[in-house]
Amino acid sequence: MRGKHLRVAERWAAFALTSLLLCVSAGCSPVQRLYAGKPLPVAQVSRVYNTDQVEVMELDGAPVPRPGAVDSTTLVYEFQPGHHRMHVVPAEKSGPGDDSAADFDVEFRGGHSYTFAVSDLRGPGKRDWRVVLVDYHTEQPVAAPVGSPGLHDPRPLLGLP
């Protein structure tokens, strides 16, 4: 009986290893490089982390990769520093006709990581979705969406007192 359980365990281990190798070879890593060539050191790239509330959809007008085997809210986009335009949407739509979205024009710095702070207020037939780009480590505001008020005090933009 013990030998049968061992064979089942070996099969599961082989299955898990095969699945992991297929995922890695298919590009299922949560880090998605948005530049050509060899991987660069972290100090020479900018990183943006999706969240459970915000998903990056485009960088400079080009759709970003969205590997199906990875939860899109865990994706990290890595790209060369410089001025970029980023289009983001809520990770979860509130219903049909929800066209919440934001665009950021930002000078991204090498060696820096970014994510988002969000206020998402919903009412009957209404959604007030607000997002700010923040430093991943300090959570300090970096940029407001194009066309929104400045970042002197991001609390009003996020609906905070």
Protein backbone atom coordinates (compact mmCIF):
# COMPACT_ATOMS: atom_id res chain seq x y z
CA MET A 1 0.00 0.00 0.00
CA ARG A 2 2.84 2.36 0.87
CA GLY A 3 4.41 1.87 -2.56
CA LYS A 4 1.15 2.88 -4.28
CA HIS A 5 1.03 6.17 -2.32
CA LEU A 6 4.67 6.82 -3.19
CA ARG A 7 3.94 6.35 -6.91
CA VAL A 8 0.99 8.75 -6.70
CA ALA A 9 3.17 11.31 -4.90
CA GLU A 10 5.89 10.91 -7.55
CA ARG A 11 3.33 11.46 -10.32
CA TRP A 12 2.01 14.61 -8.64
CA ALA A 13 5.56 15.91 -8.17
CA ALA A 14 6.34 15.23 -11.84
CA PHE A 15 3.09 16.96 -12.87
CA ALA A 16 3.87 20.01 -10.71
CA LEU A 17 7.41 20.27 -12.08
CA THR A 18 6.22 19.90 -15.67
CA SER A 19 3.53 22.56 -15.13
CA LEU A 20 6.07 24.95 -13.64
CA LEU A 21 8.51 24.42 -16.52
CA LEU A 22 5.75 24.92 -19.10
CA CYS A 23 4.64 28.09 -17.37
CA VAL A 24 8.17 29.49 -17.21
CA SER A 25 8.91 28.60 -20.83
CA ALA A 26 5.59 30.13 -21.93
CA GLY A 27 6.42 33.44 -20.27
CA CYS A 28 4.14 33.09 -17.24
CA SER A 29 6.42 35.07 -14.97
CA PRO A 30 4.69 37.91 -13.17
CA VAL A 31 7.52 40.21 -14.41
CA GLN A 32 6.85 41.25 -17.99
CA ARG A 33 9.72 42.97 -19.82
CA LEU A 34 8.49 45.69 -22.17
CA TYR A 35 11.82 46.25 -23.92
CA ALA A 36 13.87 44.26 -26.42
CA GLY A 37 17.22 42.67 -25.79
CA LYS A 38 18.84 41.07 -22.80
CA PRO A 39 17.45 41.67 -19.30
CA LEU A 40 18.86 44.80 -17.70
CA PRO A 41 19.87 45.19 -14.05
CA VAL A 42 17.06 46.44 -11.81
CA ALA A 43 18.92 49.74 -11.34
CA GLN A 44 18.55 50.39 -15.10
CA VAL A 45 14.81 49.75 -15.46
CA SER A 46 11.54 51.15 -14.13
CA ARG A 47 8.91 48.82 -12.68
CA VAL A 48 5.15 49.26 -12.31
CA TYR A 49 3.15 46.84 -10.18
CA ASN A 50 -0.48 46.07 -10.98
CA THR A 51 -2.72 45.85 -7.93
CA ASP A 52 -5.99 44.15 -7.08
CA GLN A 53 -7.66 47.49 -7.99
CA VAL A 54 -5.68 48.73 -11.02
CA GLU A 55 -4.37 47.07 -14.17
CA VAL A 56 -1.98 48.56 -16.69
CA MET A 57 -3.41 48.11 -20.19
CA GLU A 58 -1.05 50.10 -22.43
CA LEU A 59 2.39 51.67 -22.39
CA ASP A 60 2.99 54.34 -25.03
CA GLY A 61 -0.13 53.22 -26.90
CA ALA A 62 0.93 49.57 -27.18
CA PRO A 63 -1.01 46.85 -25.31
CA VAL A 64 1.00 45.21 -22.52
CA PRO A 65 1.32 41.39 -22.38
CA ARG A 66 -1.24 39.61 -20.22
CA PRO A 67 -0.20 35.96 -19.84
CA GLY A 68 -3.28 33.86 -19.16
CA ALA A 69 -1.65 31.57 -16.59
CA VAL A 70 -0.81 34.45 -14.22
CA ASP A 71 -3.26 36.47 -12.13
CA SER A 72 -3.11 39.86 -13.87
CA THR A 73 -3.30 41.72 -10.55
CA THR A 74 0.15 40.31 -9.67
CA LEU A 75 1.88 41.41 -12.88
CA VAL A 76 4.92 43.66 -12.76
CA TYR A 77 5.86 45.60 -15.89
CA GLU A 78 9.53 46.37 -16.41
CA PHE A 79 10.60 48.94 -19.00
CA GLN A 80 13.36 51.36 -19.81
CA PRO A 81 13.28 54.66 -17.89
CA GLY A 82 12.17 57.87 -19.55
CA HIS A 83 8.96 59.62 -20.49
CA HIS A 84 6.05 57.24 -21.02
CA ARG A 85 2.27 57.40 -21.29
CA MET A 86 0.49 54.66 -19.35
CA HIS A 87 -3.20 53.72 -19.68
CA VAL A 88 -4.79 51.99 -16.68
CA VAL A 89 -8.26 50.64 -15.84
CA PRO A 90 -9.96 49.27 -12.74
CA ALA A 91 -9.09 45.61 -12.16
CA GLU A 92 -12.81 44.96 -11.70
CA LYS A 93 -15.52 46.63 -13.77
CA SER A 94 -18.56 47.71 -11.79
CA GLY A 95 -20.94 46.69 -14.57
CA PRO A 96 -21.90 47.29 -18.20
CA GLY A 97 -20.93 50.74 -19.40
CA ASP A 98 -18.24 51.24 -16.76
CA ASP A 99 -15.65 53.20 -18.72
CA SER A 100 -13.44 54.16 -15.77
CA ALA A 101 -9.85 54.63 -16.90
CA ALA A 102 -6.88 56.93 -16.40
CA ASP A 103 -3.82 58.01 -18.38
CA PHE A 104 -0.49 59.01 -16.88
CA ASP A 105 2.27 61.00 -18.60
CA VAL A 106 5.29 60.35 -16.41
CA GLU A 107 9.07 60.63 -16.45
CA PHE A 108 9.87 57.19 -15.00
CA ARG A 109 13.23 56.87 -13.26
CA GLY A 110 15.65 53.95 -13.50
CA GLY A 111 15.89 51.81 -10.38
CA HIS A 112 12.47 52.95 -9.19
CA SER A 113 9.28 50.97 -8.70
CA TYR A 114 5.74 52.33 -8.84
CA THR A 115 2.21 51.21 -8.04
CA PHE A 116 -1.18 52.85 -7.51
CA ALA A 117 -3.31 54.33 -4.73
CA VAL A 118 -7.03 54.10 -5.43
CA SER A 119 -10.33 55.48 -4.18
CA ASP A 120 -13.30 53.52 -5.54
CA LEU A 121 -16.68 54.82 -4.40
CA ARG A 122 -19.74 53.12 -5.85
CA GLY A 123 -23.39 53.96 -5.63
CA PRO A 124 -26.53 53.01 -7.56
CA GLY A 125 -25.61 53.48 -11.20
CA LYS A 126 -22.56 55.58 -10.33
CA ARG A 127 -18.87 54.97 -9.82
CA ASP A 128 -16.23 57.44 -8.70
CA TRP A 129 -12.90 55.71 -9.43
CA ARG A 130 -9.78 57.78 -8.74
CA VAL A 131 -6.19 56.67 -9.04
CA VAL A 132 -2.75 58.15 -8.33
CA LEU A 133 0.65 56.72 -9.30
CA VAL A 134 2.76 56.27 -6.15
CA ASP A 135 6.27 55.15 -5.28
CA TYR A 136 6.12 51.41 -4.55
CA HIS A 137 8.35 51.60 -1.47
CA THR A 138 7.40 54.92 0.13
CA GLU A 139 3.78 55.17 -1.11
CA GLN A 140 4.44 58.86 -1.82
CA PRO A 141 2.45 60.31 -4.76
CA VAL A 142 4.38 60.55 -8.01
CA ALA A 143 1.77 61.54 -10.61
CA ALA A 144 -1.91 62.28 -11.01
CA PRO A 145 -3.76 61.22 -14.16
CA VAL A 146 -3.65 63.55 -17.17
CA GLY A 147 -6.25 66.30 -16.76
CA SER A 148 -6.65 65.93 -12.99
CA PRO A 149 -5.60 68.44 -10.34
CA GLY A 150 -1.93 68.53 -9.34
CA LEU A 151 -0.32 66.48 -6.62
CA HIS A 152 0.17 69.21 -4.04
CA ASP A 153 -2.24 67.31 -1.81
CA PRO A 154 -3.46 64.00 -3.28
CA ARG A 155 -6.07 63.43 -0.55
CA PRO A 156 -8.85 65.35 -2.35
CA LEU A 157 -8.07 63.51 -5.58
CA LEU A 158 -8.54 60.23 -3.70
CA GLY A 159 -11.63 61.52 -1.89
CA LEU A 160 -9.87 61.58 1.49
CA PRO A 161 -10.33 64.29 4.14
